[in-house]
Amino acid sequence: MSAQTPFLVFSGTNSRYLAEKICKSLNCPLGQMNIQHFADGEFSVSYEETIRGRDVFLVQSTFPNSDNLMELLLMVDAAKRASAHSIIAVIPYFGWARQDRKDKPRVSIGAKLIADMLSTAGVNRVITMDLHADQIQGFFDIPVDHLYASTVFLEHIKSTFPLENLCIATPDVGGTKRASTYSKYLGVPMVICHKSRLRANEVAEMRIIGEVEGLDVLLVDDMVDTAGTITKAANLMLENGARSVRAIASHAVMSDPASSRVDQSALTEIIFTDSIPYAKKCEKVKVLSIADMFAEAIRRVCSDESISTLYAI
């Protein structure tokens, strides 16, 4: 990379697919890094080019397993020890975000712990997208640029969905604010699914608040893990007279048996971003890229321009 380039972009192992697309959008090469794995499961990180005095962007989502987080921490530490001018962690999917509060006695607040670990390692700034809970930004004592996948989704919705008959829905009460924002922006009605759980990842009961009969329903969520909630909601919409059911979600966690559940559900399609790589086969899954959005955010950070103007809603 040219010495005149004001920044350098590097990637961890499992986010390289996205980092390469971000670099293509920025018209710059991906930085050279070596991650060496040892027989006992440990690994070491080294930069294969000088980063002294440079603004370093480290692209790494912290999706399972924990190696992705550990890689990022080692990348940050190595950059700090190599005298980088600033270290910006680009984390499209911020893992452990569902552990954002004490919802019962004697549990950890995992999202706060991860924020502390990143800050201690030496991160100067975080760029992330669609946190499970907005208050996680407050867990950091450094700037956090919180991007929204709605920028990508709305363009797709307006160009491909039948807006005249569209209804926005949320698969649970926690996503009401997100769904309401889409509903107001598109000028379409909204319904809510109210669910109760027996335990994590297992829905006990669900009912619809609102009318969906004869409408094309679009379920809006931030992530899909086992797909139990969103497929149950889709089936319930169809049972209550919906004409069709689609879904959008920012992060395709898609733990087994999510893909088979989506295949067997009432969903016509489900659309994700590529914040997490989705390699399984499911004809109903469509993936939109967020690379251009993150590339523009990186460019604006480097030139001290506003990030907020990137947001559609």
C-alpha atoms as a PDB file:
ATOM      1  CA  MET A   1       0.000   0.000   0.000  1.00  0.00           C
ATOM      2  CA  SER A   2       1.244   3.442  -0.869  1.00  0.00           C
ATOM      3  CA  ALA A   3       2.838   5.431   1.943  1.00  0.00           C
ATOM      4  CA  GLN A   4       0.594   8.333   0.885  1.00  0.00           C
ATOM      5  CA  THR A   5      -2.581   6.472   1.815  1.00  0.00           C
ATOM      6  CA  PRO A   6      -3.931   8.067   5.023  1.00  0.00           C
ATOM      7  CA  PHE A   7      -5.266   4.803   6.415  1.00  0.00           C
ATOM      8  CA  LEU A   8      -4.747   1.041   6.324  1.00  0.00           C
ATOM      9  CA  VAL A   9      -7.431  -1.674   6.380  1.00  0.00           C
ATOM     10  CA  PHE A  10      -6.759  -5.121   7.836  1.00  0.00           C
ATOM     11  CA  SER A  11      -8.988  -8.114   8.436  1.00  0.00           C
ATOM     12  CA  GLY A  12      -9.295 -11.062  10.752  1.00  0.00           C
ATOM     13  CA  THR A  13      -9.604 -14.562   9.312  1.00  0.00           C
ATOM     14  CA  ASN A  14     -13.370 -14.965   9.102  1.00  0.00           C
ATOM     15  CA  SER A  15     -14.271 -11.417   8.051  1.00  0.00           C
ATOM     16  CA  ARG A  16     -11.858 -11.278   5.120  1.00  0.00           C
ATOM     17  CA  TYR A  17     -14.718 -11.792   2.621  1.00  0.00           C
ATOM     18  CA  LEU A  18     -16.262  -8.483   3.768  1.00  0.00           C
ATOM     19  CA  ALA A  19     -12.982  -6.598   4.235  1.00  0.00           C
ATOM     20  CA  GLU A  20     -12.034  -7.356   0.620  1.00  0.00           C
ATOM     21  CA  LYS A  21     -15.318  -5.866  -0.595  1.00  0.00           C
ATOM     22  CA  ILE A  22     -14.841  -2.806   1.635  1.00  0.00           C
ATOM     23  CA  CYS A  23     -11.340  -2.294   0.220  1.00  0.00           C
ATOM     24  CA  LYS A  24     -12.654  -2.660  -3.325  1.00  0.00           C
ATOM     25  CA  SER A  25     -15.181   0.090  -2.601  1.00  0.00           C
ATOM     26  CA  LEU A  26     -12.426   2.269  -1.093  1.00  0.00           C
ATOM     27  CA  ASN A  27     -10.134   1.479  -4.039  1.00  0.00           C
ATOM     28  CA  CYS A  28      -7.315   0.374  -1.772  1.00  0.00           C
ATOM     29  CA  PRO A  29      -5.611  -2.993  -1.170  1.00  0.00           C
ATOM     30  CA  LEU A  30      -6.256  -5.031   1.949  1.00  0.00           C
ATOM     31  CA  GLY A  31      -3.358  -4.753   4.384  1.00  0.00           C
ATOM     32  CA  GLN A  32      -0.956  -7.646   4.782  1.00  0.00           C
ATOM     33  CA  MET A  33      -1.331  -9.585   8.024  1.00  0.00           C
ATOM     34  CA  ASN A  34      -0.209 -13.002   9.180  1.00  0.00           C
ATOM     35  CA  ILE A  35      -2.241 -15.029  11.686  1.00  0.00           C
ATOM     36  CA  GLN A  36      -0.346 -18.137  12.720  1.00  0.00           C
ATOM     37  CA  HIS A  37      -2.213 -21.023  14.375  1.00  0.00           C
ATOM     38  CA  PHE A  38      -0.567 -23.458  16.760  1.00  0.00           C
ATOM     39  CA  ALA A  39      -1.362 -27.088  17.517  1.00  0.00           C
ATOM     40  CA  ASP A  40      -2.881 -26.320  20.916  1.00  0.00           C
ATOM     41  CA  GLY A  41      -5.408 -23.856  19.465  1.00  0.00           C
ATOM     42  CA  GLU A  42      -3.502 -20.662  20.257  1.00  0.00           C
ATOM     43  CA  PHE A  43      -2.662 -18.213  17.495  1.00  0.00           C
ATOM     44  CA  SER A  44      -0.492 -15.138  17.035  1.00  0.00           C
ATOM     45  CA  VAL A  45      -0.986 -12.002  14.946  1.00  0.00           C
ATOM     46  CA  SER A  46       1.645  -9.976  13.087  1.00  0.00           C
ATOM     47  CA  TYR A  47       1.434  -7.080  10.615  1.00  0.00           C
ATOM     48  CA  GLU A  48       3.522  -7.670   7.509  1.00  0.00           C
ATOM     49  CA  GLU A  49       3.899  -3.965   6.690  1.00  0.00           C
ATOM     50  CA  THR A  50       4.671  -0.874   8.730  1.00  0.00           C
ATOM     51  CA  ILE A  51       1.719   0.785  10.461  1.00  0.00           C
ATOM     52  CA  ARG A  52       3.669   3.338  12.503  1.00  0.00           C
ATOM     53  CA  GLY A  53       1.785   6.613  12.711  1.00  0.00           C
ATOM     54  CA  ARG A  54      -1.097   5.364  10.562  1.00  0.00           C
ATOM     55  CA  ASP A  55      -4.866   5.164  11.115  1.00  0.00           C
ATOM     56  CA  VAL A  56      -5.592   1.424  11.199  1.00  0.00           C
ATOM     57  CA  PHE A  57      -9.058  -0.021  10.529  1.00  0.00           C
ATOM     58  CA  LEU A  58      -9.507  -3.609  11.719  1.00  0.00           C
ATOM     59  CA  VAL A  59     -12.487  -5.386  10.141  1.00  0.00           C
ATOM     60  CA  GLN A  60     -13.734  -8.264  12.286  1.00  0.00           C
ATOM     61  CA  SER A  61     -17.223  -9.315  13.323  1.00  0.00           C
ATOM     62  CA  THR A  62     -17.316 -11.142  16.657  1.00  0.00           C
ATOM     63  CA  PHE A  63     -19.725 -13.894  15.690  1.00  0.00           C
ATOM     64  CA  PRO A  64     -19.279 -17.393  17.144  1.00  0.00           C
ATOM     65  CA  ASN A  65     -16.897 -18.862  17.900  1.00  0.00           C
ATOM     66  CA  SER A  66     -14.877 -16.821  20.374  1.00  0.00           C
ATOM     67  CA  ASP A  67     -11.724 -17.063  18.228  1.00  0.00           C
ATOM     68  CA  ASN A  68     -13.019 -14.105  16.185  1.00  0.00           C
ATOM     69  CA  LEU A  69     -13.102 -11.889  19.262  1.00  0.00           C
ATOM     70  CA  MET A  70      -9.686 -13.099  20.441  1.00  0.00           C
ATOM     71  CA  GLU A  71      -8.226 -12.460  16.983  1.00  0.00           C
ATOM     72  CA  LEU A  72      -9.554  -8.911  17.075  1.00  0.00           C
ATOM     73  CA  LEU A  73      -8.084  -8.290  20.542  1.00  0.00           C
ATOM     74  CA  LEU A  74      -4.677  -9.555  19.413  1.00  0.00           C
ATOM     75  CA  MET A  75      -4.883  -7.425  16.245  1.00  0.00           C
ATOM     76  CA  VAL A  76      -5.597  -4.361  18.381  1.00  0.00           C
ATOM     77  CA  ASP A  77      -2.767  -5.116  20.807  1.00  0.00           C
ATOM     78  CA  ALA A  78      -0.290  -5.707  17.978  1.00  0.00           C
ATOM     79  CA  ALA A  79      -1.302  -2.435  16.309  1.00  0.00           C
ATOM     80  CA  LYS A  80      -0.883  -0.514  19.555  1.00  0.00           C
ATOM     81  CA  ARG A  81       2.572  -2.011  20.117  1.00  0.00           C
ATOM     82  CA  ALA A  82       3.504  -1.195  16.506  1.00  0.00           C
ATOM     83  CA  SER A  83       2.820   2.522  17.151  1.00  0.00           C
ATOM     84  CA  ALA A  84      -0.309   2.951  15.044  1.00  0.00           C
ATOM     85  CA  HIS A  85      -1.653   6.501  15.235  1.00  0.00           C
ATOM     86  CA  SER A  86      -5.235   5.333  15.877  1.00  0.00           C
ATOM     87  CA  ILE A  87      -6.963   1.945  15.974  1.00  0.00           C
ATOM     88  CA  ILE A  88     -10.544   1.707  14.740  1.00  0.00           C
ATOM     89  CA  ALA A  89     -12.377  -1.584  15.242  1.00  0.00           C
ATOM     90  CA  VAL A  90     -14.890  -2.164  12.436  1.00  0.00           C
ATOM     91  CA  ILE A  91     -17.319  -4.694  13.932  1.00  0.00           C
ATOM     92  CA  PRO A  92     -20.328  -5.159  11.618  1.00  0.00           C
ATOM     93  CA  TYR A  93     -21.791  -7.774  13.987  1.00  0.00           C
ATOM     94  CA  PHE A  94     -21.109  -7.145  17.683  1.00  0.00           C
ATOM     95  CA  GLY A  95     -21.422 -10.475  19.486  1.00  0.00           C
ATOM     96  CA  TRP A  96     -22.635 -10.935  23.076  1.00  0.00           C
ATOM     97  CA  ALA A  97     -24.964  -7.959  22.485  1.00  0.00           C
ATOM     98  CA  ARG A  98     -27.956  -9.862  23.871  1.00  0.00           C
ATOM     99  CA  GLN A  99     -26.234  -9.855  27.266  1.00  0.00           C
ATOM    100  CA  ASP A 100     -26.834  -6.149  27.760  1.00  0.00           C
ATOM    101  CA  ARG A 101     -28.378  -6.157  31.277  1.00  0.00           C
ATOM    102  CA  LYS A 102     -28.965  -8.296  34.351  1.00  0.00           C
ATOM    103  CA  ASP A 103     -32.288  -9.916  33.495  1.00  0.00           C
ATOM    104  CA  LYS A 104     -31.969 -12.335  36.413  1.00  0.00           C
ATOM    105  CA  PRO A 105     -29.703 -12.635  39.470  1.00  0.00           C
ATOM    106  CA  ARG A 106     -26.038 -13.670  39.270  1.00  0.00           C
ATOM    107  CA  VAL A 107     -25.450 -13.241  35.532  1.00  0.00           C
ATOM    108  CA  SER A 108     -22.779 -11.296  33.665  1.00  0.00           C
ATOM    109  CA  ILE A 109     -23.365  -8.306  31.400  1.00  0.00           C
ATOM    110  CA  GLY A 110     -21.366  -9.736  28.524  1.00  0.00           C
ATOM    111  CA  ALA A 111     -21.707  -6.738  26.186  1.00  0.00           C
ATOM    112  CA  LYS A 112     -20.136  -4.436  28.796  1.00  0.00           C
ATOM    113  CA  LEU A 113     -17.308  -6.909  29.378  1.00  0.00           C
ATOM    114  CA  ILE A 114     -16.501  -7.024  25.638  1.00  0.00           C
ATOM    115  CA  ALA A 115     -16.576  -3.212  25.465  1.00  0.00           C
ATOM    116  CA  ASP A 116     -14.102  -3.032  28.377  1.00  0.00           C
ATOM    117  CA  MET A 117     -11.822  -5.627  26.773  1.00  0.00           C
ATOM    118  CA  LEU A 118     -11.695  -3.718  23.477  1.00  0.00           C
ATOM    119  CA  SER A 119     -10.979  -0.419  25.234  1.00  0.00           C
ATOM    120  CA  THR A 120      -8.276  -1.973  27.413  1.00  0.00           C
ATOM    121  CA  ALA A 121      -6.650  -3.615  24.370  1.00  0.00           C
ATOM    122  CA  GLY A 122      -6.279  -0.163  22.804  1.00  0.00           C
ATOM    123  CA  VAL A 123      -9.219   0.565  20.485  1.00  0.00           C
ATOM    124  CA  ASN A 124      -9.714   4.307  19.884  1.00  0.00           C
ATOM    125  CA  ARG A 125     -13.025   4.074  18.024  1.00  0.00           C
ATOM    126  CA  VAL A 126     -15.660   1.486  17.085  1.00  0.00           C
ATOM    127  CA  ILE A 127     -17.749   1.318  13.919  1.00  0.00           C
ATOM    128  CA  THR A 128     -20.583  -1.186  14.214  1.00  0.00           C
ATOM    129  CA  MET A 129     -24.080  -1.856  12.874  1.00  0.00           C
ATOM    130  CA  ASP A 130     -27.513  -2.570  14.335  1.00  0.00           C
ATOM    131  CA  LEU A 131     -26.586  -3.349  17.919  1.00  0.00           C
ATOM    132  CA  HIS A 132     -29.132  -5.565  19.627  1.00  0.00           C
ATOM    133  CA  ALA A 133     -29.668  -2.752  22.142  1.00  0.00           C
ATOM    134  CA  ASP A 134     -28.790   0.896  21.481  1.00  0.00           C
ATOM    135  CA  GLN A 135     -27.611   1.417  25.063  1.00  0.00           C
ATOM    136  CA  ILE A 136     -24.543  -0.745  24.369  1.00  0.00           C
ATOM    137  CA  GLN A 137     -22.978   2.388  22.846  1.00  0.00           C
ATOM    138  CA  GLY A 138     -22.889   3.751  26.387  1.00  0.00           C
ATOM    139  CA  PHE A 139     -20.767   0.815  27.555  1.00  0.00           C
ATOM    140  CA  PHE A 140     -17.828   2.385  25.686  1.00  0.00           C
ATOM    141  CA  ASP A 141     -15.836   5.424  26.822  1.00  0.00           C
ATOM    142  CA  ILE A 142     -14.645   5.941  23.236  1.00  0.00           C
ATOM    143  CA  PRO A 143     -16.574   7.140  20.149  1.00  0.00           C
ATOM    144  CA  VAL A 144     -18.974   4.589  18.634  1.00  0.00           C
ATOM    145  CA  ASP A 145     -20.329   5.065  15.120  1.00  0.00           C
ATOM    146  CA  HIS A 146     -23.548   3.056  15.022  1.00  0.00           C
ATOM    147  CA  LEU A 147     -24.634   2.329  11.437  1.00  0.00           C
ATOM    148  CA  TYR A 148     -28.022   0.966  10.396  1.00  0.00           C
ATOM    149  CA  ALA A 149     -28.804  -1.715   7.817  1.00  0.00           C
ATOM    150  CA  SER A 150     -32.000   0.200   7.002  1.00  0.00           C
ATOM    151  CA  THR A 151     -29.825   2.209   4.595  1.00  0.00           C
ATOM    152  CA  VAL A 152     -29.409  -0.947   2.505  1.00  0.00           C
ATOM    153  CA  PHE A 153     -32.789  -2.561   3.211  1.00  0.00           C
ATOM    154  CA  LEU A 154     -34.999   0.423   2.344  1.00  0.00           C
ATOM    155  CA  GLU A 155     -33.533   0.754  -1.118  1.00  0.00           C
ATOM    156  CA  HIS A 156     -34.262  -2.932  -1.731  1.00  0.00           C
ATOM    157  CA  ILE A 157     -37.780  -2.721  -0.248  1.00  0.00           C
ATOM    158  CA  LYS A 158     -38.790   0.278  -2.357  1.00  0.00           C
ATOM    159  CA  SER A 159     -37.502  -1.302  -5.563  1.00  0.00           C
ATOM    160  CA  THR A 160     -38.855  -4.845  -5.155  1.00  0.00           C
ATOM    161  CA  PHE A 161     -41.745  -4.994  -2.648  1.00  0.00           C
ATOM    162  CA  PRO A 162     -45.459  -4.200  -3.337  1.00  0.00           C
ATOM    163  CA  LEU A 163     -45.714  -1.093  -1.128  1.00  0.00           C
ATOM    164  CA  GLU A 164     -49.428  -0.482  -1.737  1.00  0.00           C
ATOM    165  CA  ASN A 165     -50.339  -3.594   0.223  1.00  0.00           C
ATOM    166  CA  LEU A 166     -47.360  -3.726   2.607  1.00  0.00           C
ATOM    167  CA  CYS A 167     -47.574  -4.133   6.384  1.00  0.00           C
ATOM    168  CA  ILE A 168     -44.537  -3.953   8.676  1.00  0.00           C
ATOM    169  CA  ALA A 169     -44.429  -6.432  11.562  1.00  0.00           C
ATOM    170  CA  THR A 170     -42.113  -7.121  14.465  1.00  0.00           C
ATOM    171  CA  PRO A 171     -41.654 -10.706  15.705  1.00  0.00           C
ATOM    172  CA  ASP A 172     -41.427  -9.512  19.319  1.00  0.00           C
ATOM    173  CA  VAL A 173     -42.255  -6.459  21.414  1.00  0.00           C
ATOM    174  CA  GLY A 174     -38.557  -5.607  21.811  1.00  0.00           C
ATOM    175  CA  GLY A 175     -38.324  -4.719  18.117  1.00  0.00           C
ATOM    176  CA  THR A 176     -41.284  -2.310  18.165  1.00  0.00           C
ATOM    177  CA  LYS A 177     -39.165   0.836  17.842  1.00  0.00           C
ATOM    178  CA  ARG A 178     -37.284  -0.579  14.834  1.00  0.00           C
ATOM    179  CA  ALA A 179     -40.478  -1.708  13.081  1.00  0.00           C
ATOM    180  CA  SER A 180     -42.223   1.587  13.847  1.00  0.00           C
ATOM    181  CA  THR A 181     -39.399   3.503  12.164  1.00  0.00           C
ATOM    182  CA  TYR A 182     -39.792   1.453   8.972  1.00  0.00           C
ATOM    183  CA  SER A 183     -43.585   1.811   9.142  1.00  0.00           C
ATOM    184  CA  LYS A 184     -43.474   5.609   9.437  1.00  0.00           C
ATOM    185  CA  TYR A 185     -40.825   6.034   6.747  1.00  0.00           C
ATOM    186  CA  LEU A 186     -42.718   3.878   4.224  1.00  0.00           C
ATOM    187  CA  GLY A 187     -46.145   5.138   5.288  1.00  0.00           C
ATOM    188  CA  VAL A 188     -47.586   1.663   5.853  1.00  0.00           C
ATOM    189  CA  PRO A 189     -49.368   0.036   8.832  1.00  0.00           C
ATOM    190  CA  MET A 190     -47.608  -1.991  11.549  1.00  0.00           C
ATOM    191  CA  VAL A 191     -48.504  -4.991  13.684  1.00  0.00           C
ATOM    192  CA  ILE A 192     -46.722  -6.544  16.667  1.00  0.00           C
ATOM    193  CA  CYS A 193     -46.166 -10.155  17.702  1.00  0.00           C
ATOM    194  CA  HIS A 194     -46.230 -10.691  21.451  1.00  0.00           C
ATOM    195  CA  LYS A 195     -44.334 -13.773  22.594  1.00  0.00           C
ATOM    196  CA  SER A 196     -43.482 -15.494  25.848  1.00  0.00           C
ATOM    197  CA  ARG A 197     -40.504 -17.824  26.331  1.00  0.00           C
ATOM    198  CA  LEU A 198     -40.019 -20.918  28.462  1.00  0.00           C
ATOM    199  CA  ARG A 199     -36.230 -20.559  28.089  1.00  0.00           C
ATOM    200  CA  ALA A 200     -33.662 -18.995  25.740  1.00  0.00           C
ATOM    201  CA  ASN A 201     -34.229 -19.809  22.038  1.00  0.00           C
ATOM    202  CA  GLU A 202     -37.587 -21.462  22.759  1.00  0.00           C
ATOM    203  CA  VAL A 203     -40.892 -19.625  22.208  1.00  0.00           C
ATOM    204  CA  ALA A 204     -43.809 -20.845  24.319  1.00  0.00           C
ATOM    205  CA  GLU A 205     -46.676 -18.720  22.999  1.00  0.00           C
ATOM    206  CA  MET A 206     -47.202 -15.987  20.396  1.00  0.00           C
ATOM    207  CA  ARG A 207     -50.121 -13.799  19.319  1.00  0.00           C
ATOM    208  CA  ILE A 208     -50.615 -10.891  16.917  1.00  0.00           C
ATOM    209  CA  ILE A 209     -51.561  -7.377  18.003  1.00  0.00           C
ATOM    210  CA  GLY A 210     -53.193  -5.835  14.907  1.00  0.00           C
ATOM    211  CA  GLU A 211     -54.765  -6.994  11.617  1.00  0.00           C
ATOM    212  CA  VAL A 212     -52.879  -8.618   8.743  1.00  0.00           C
ATOM    213  CA  GLU A 213     -55.677 -10.112   6.656  1.00  0.00           C
ATOM    214  CA  GLY A 214     -55.075  -9.601   2.924  1.00  0.00           C
ATOM    215  CA  LEU A 215     -51.747  -7.791   3.473  1.00  0.00           C
ATOM    216  CA  ASP A 216     -48.180  -8.501   2.379  1.00  0.00           C
ATOM    217  CA  VAL A 217     -46.324  -8.693   5.696  1.00  0.00           C
ATOM    218  CA  LEU A 218     -42.673  -7.756   6.147  1.00  0.00           C
ATOM    219  CA  LEU A 219     -41.136  -8.918   9.438  1.00  0.00           C
ATOM    220  CA  VAL A 220     -38.280  -6.700  10.653  1.00  0.00           C
ATOM    221  CA  ASP A 221     -35.624  -7.905  13.116  1.00  0.00           C
ATOM    222  CA  ASP A 222     -31.991  -7.236  14.018  1.00  0.00           C
ATOM    223  CA  MET A 223     -30.785 -10.843  14.009  1.00  0.00           C
ATOM    224  CA  VAL A 224     -31.977 -14.381  13.413  1.00  0.00           C
ATOM    225  CA  ASP A 225     -30.342 -17.076  15.548  1.00  0.00           C
ATOM    226  CA  THR A 226     -32.271 -20.373  15.562  1.00  0.00           C
ATOM    227  CA  ALA A 227     -35.140 -18.808  13.539  1.00  0.00           C
ATOM    228  CA  GLY A 228     -37.720 -20.137  15.990  1.00  0.00           C
ATOM    229  CA  THR A 229     -39.317 -16.755  16.668  1.00  0.00           C
ATOM    230  CA  ILE A 230     -39.361 -15.374  13.137  1.00  0.00           C
ATOM    231  CA  THR A 231     -40.690 -18.570  11.519  1.00  0.00           C
ATOM    232  CA  LYS A 232     -43.360 -18.943  14.193  1.00  0.00           C
ATOM    233  CA  ALA A 233     -44.372 -15.326  13.577  1.00  0.00           C
ATOM    234  CA  ALA A 234     -44.477 -15.888   9.805  1.00  0.00           C
ATOM    235  CA  ASN A 235     -46.668 -18.968  10.163  1.00  0.00           C
ATOM    236  CA  LEU A 236     -48.963 -17.066  12.522  1.00  0.00           C
ATOM    237  CA  MET A 237     -49.300 -14.203  10.017  1.00  0.00           C
ATOM    238  CA  LEU A 238     -50.380 -16.614   7.277  1.00  0.00           C
ATOM    239  CA  GLU A 239     -52.844 -18.333   9.605  1.00  0.00           C
ATOM    240  CA  ASN A 240     -54.388 -14.913  10.309  1.00  0.00           C
ATOM    241  CA  GLY A 241     -55.000 -14.155   6.642  1.00  0.00           C
ATOM    242  CA  ALA A 242     -51.798 -12.485   5.425  1.00  0.00           C
ATOM    243  CA  ARG A 243     -51.359 -12.697   1.653  1.00  0.00           C
ATOM    244  CA  SER A 244     -47.589 -13.220   1.883  1.00  0.00           C
ATOM    245  CA  VAL A 245     -44.837 -13.011   4.518  1.00  0.00           C
ATOM    246  CA  ARG A 246     -41.249 -11.882   4.011  1.00  0.00           C
ATOM    247  CA  ALA A 247     -38.556 -10.928   6.527  1.00  0.00           C
ATOM    248  CA  ILE A 248     -35.473  -8.747   6.795  1.00  0.00           C
ATOM    249  CA  ALA A 249     -32.836  -9.070   9.508  1.00  0.00           C
ATOM    250  CA  SER A 250     -29.438  -7.424   9.805  1.00  0.00           C
ATOM    251  CA  HIS A 251     -27.404 -10.369  11.097  1.00  0.00           C
ATOM    252  CA  ALA A 252     -27.622 -13.964   9.855  1.00  0.00           C
ATOM    253  CA  VAL A 253     -26.473 -15.824  12.968  1.00  0.00           C
ATOM    254  CA  MET A 254     -28.535 -18.782  11.680  1.00  0.00           C
ATOM    255  CA  SER A 255     -27.553 -21.475  14.174  1.00  0.00           C
ATOM    256  CA  ASP A 256     -28.855 -24.972  13.424  1.00  0.00           C
ATOM    257  CA  PRO A 257     -31.673 -25.758  12.734  1.00  0.00           C
ATOM    258  CA  ALA A 258     -32.402 -22.232  11.463  1.00  0.00           C
ATOM    259  CA  SER A 259     -32.005 -22.931   7.725  1.00  0.00           C
ATOM    260  CA  SER A 260     -34.363 -25.918   7.741  1.00  0.00           C
ATOM    261  CA  ARG A 261     -36.898 -23.953   9.800  1.00  0.00           C
ATOM    262  CA  VAL A 262     -36.846 -21.124   7.265  1.00  0.00           C
ATOM    263  CA  ASP A 263     -37.206 -23.623   4.401  1.00  0.00           C
ATOM    264  CA  GLN A 264     -40.255 -25.217   6.016  1.00  0.00           C
ATOM    265  CA  SER A 265     -41.887 -21.944   7.126  1.00  0.00           C
ATOM    266  CA  ALA A 266     -44.475 -19.651   5.554  1.00  0.00           C
ATOM    267  CA  LEU A 267     -41.747 -17.153   4.643  1.00  0.00           C
ATOM    268  CA  THR A 268     -41.480 -16.339   0.942  1.00  0.00           C
ATOM    269  CA  GLU A 269     -37.961 -15.050   1.512  1.00  0.00           C
ATOM    270  CA  ILE A 270     -35.704 -13.708   4.254  1.00  0.00           C
ATOM    271  CA  ILE A 271     -33.105 -11.041   3.531  1.00  0.00           C
ATOM    272  CA  PHE A 272     -29.885 -10.541   5.509  1.00  0.00           C
ATOM    273  CA  THR A 273     -26.791  -8.389   5.219  1.00  0.00           C
ATOM    274  CA  ASP A 274     -23.339  -9.950   4.892  1.00  0.00           C
ATOM    275  CA  SER A 275     -22.224  -8.824   8.385  1.00  0.00           C
ATOM    276  CA  ILE A 276     -21.896 -12.564   9.093  1.00  0.00           C
ATOM    277  CA  PRO A 277     -21.002 -15.017   6.296  1.00  0.00           C
ATOM    278  CA  TYR A 278     -23.906 -17.295   5.357  1.00  0.00           C
ATOM    279  CA  ALA A 279     -22.670 -20.411   3.586  1.00  0.00           C
ATOM    280  CA  LYS A 280     -25.544 -22.840   4.126  1.00  0.00           C
ATOM    281  CA  LYS A 281     -28.004 -23.694   1.366  1.00  0.00           C
ATOM    282  CA  CYS A 282     -31.455 -22.169   1.717  1.00  0.00           C
ATOM    283  CA  GLU A 283     -33.282 -20.961  -1.379  1.00  0.00           C
ATOM    284  CA  LYS A 284     -35.358 -18.503   0.667  1.00  0.00           C
ATOM    285  CA  VAL A 285     -32.294 -16.605   1.929  1.00  0.00           C
ATOM    286  CA  LYS A 286     -31.071 -13.497   0.084  1.00  0.00           C
ATOM    287  CA  VAL A 287     -27.987 -11.533   1.172  1.00  0.00           C
ATOM    288  CA  LEU A 288     -27.367  -7.809   0.571  1.00  0.00           C
ATOM    289  CA  SER A 289     -23.893  -6.344   1.011  1.00  0.00           C
ATOM    290  CA  ILE A 290     -23.073  -3.598   3.512  1.00  0.00           C
ATOM    291  CA  ALA A 291     -19.528  -3.158   2.158  1.00  0.00           C
ATOM    292  CA  ASP A 292     -20.207   0.172   0.411  1.00  0.00           C
ATOM    293  CA  MET A 293     -21.876   1.592   3.535  1.00  0.00           C
ATOM    294  CA  PHE A 294     -18.919   0.662   5.757  1.00  0.00           C
ATOM    295  CA  ALA A 295     -16.450   1.896   3.159  1.00  0.00           C
ATOM    296  CA  GLU A 296     -18.187   5.274   3.107  1.00  0.00           C
ATOM    297  CA  ALA A 297     -18.177   5.381   6.919  1.00  0.00           C
ATOM    298  CA  ILE A 298     -14.419   4.708   6.938  1.00  0.00           C
ATOM    299  CA  ARG A 299     -13.846   7.426   4.346  1.00  0.00           C
ATOM    300  CA  ARG A 300     -15.876   9.918   6.400  1.00  0.00           C
ATOM    301  CA  VAL A 301     -14.071   9.065   9.635  1.00  0.00           C
ATOM    302  CA  CYS A 302     -10.751   9.723   7.915  1.00  0.00           C
ATOM    303  CA  SER A 303     -11.942  13.060   6.498  1.00  0.00           C
ATOM    304  CA  ASP A 304     -13.794  14.153   9.675  1.00  0.00           C
ATOM    305  CA  GLU A 305     -17.161  14.260   7.909  1.00  0.00           C
ATOM    306  CA  SER A 306     -20.574  13.563   9.385  1.00  0.00           C
ATOM    307  CA  ILE A 307     -21.615   9.901   9.678  1.00  0.00           C
ATOM    308  CA  SER A 308     -25.261  10.616  10.521  1.00  0.00           C
ATOM    309  CA  THR A 309     -26.064  11.710   6.963  1.00  0.00           C
ATOM    310  CA  LEU A 310     -25.511   8.093   5.895  1.00  0.00           C
ATOM    311  CA  TYR A 311     -28.664   7.015   7.713  1.00  0.00           C
ATOM    312  CA  ALA A 312     -31.910   6.684   5.784  1.00  0.00           C
ATOM    313  CA  ILE A 313     -33.813   6.269   9.080  1.00  0.00           C
END
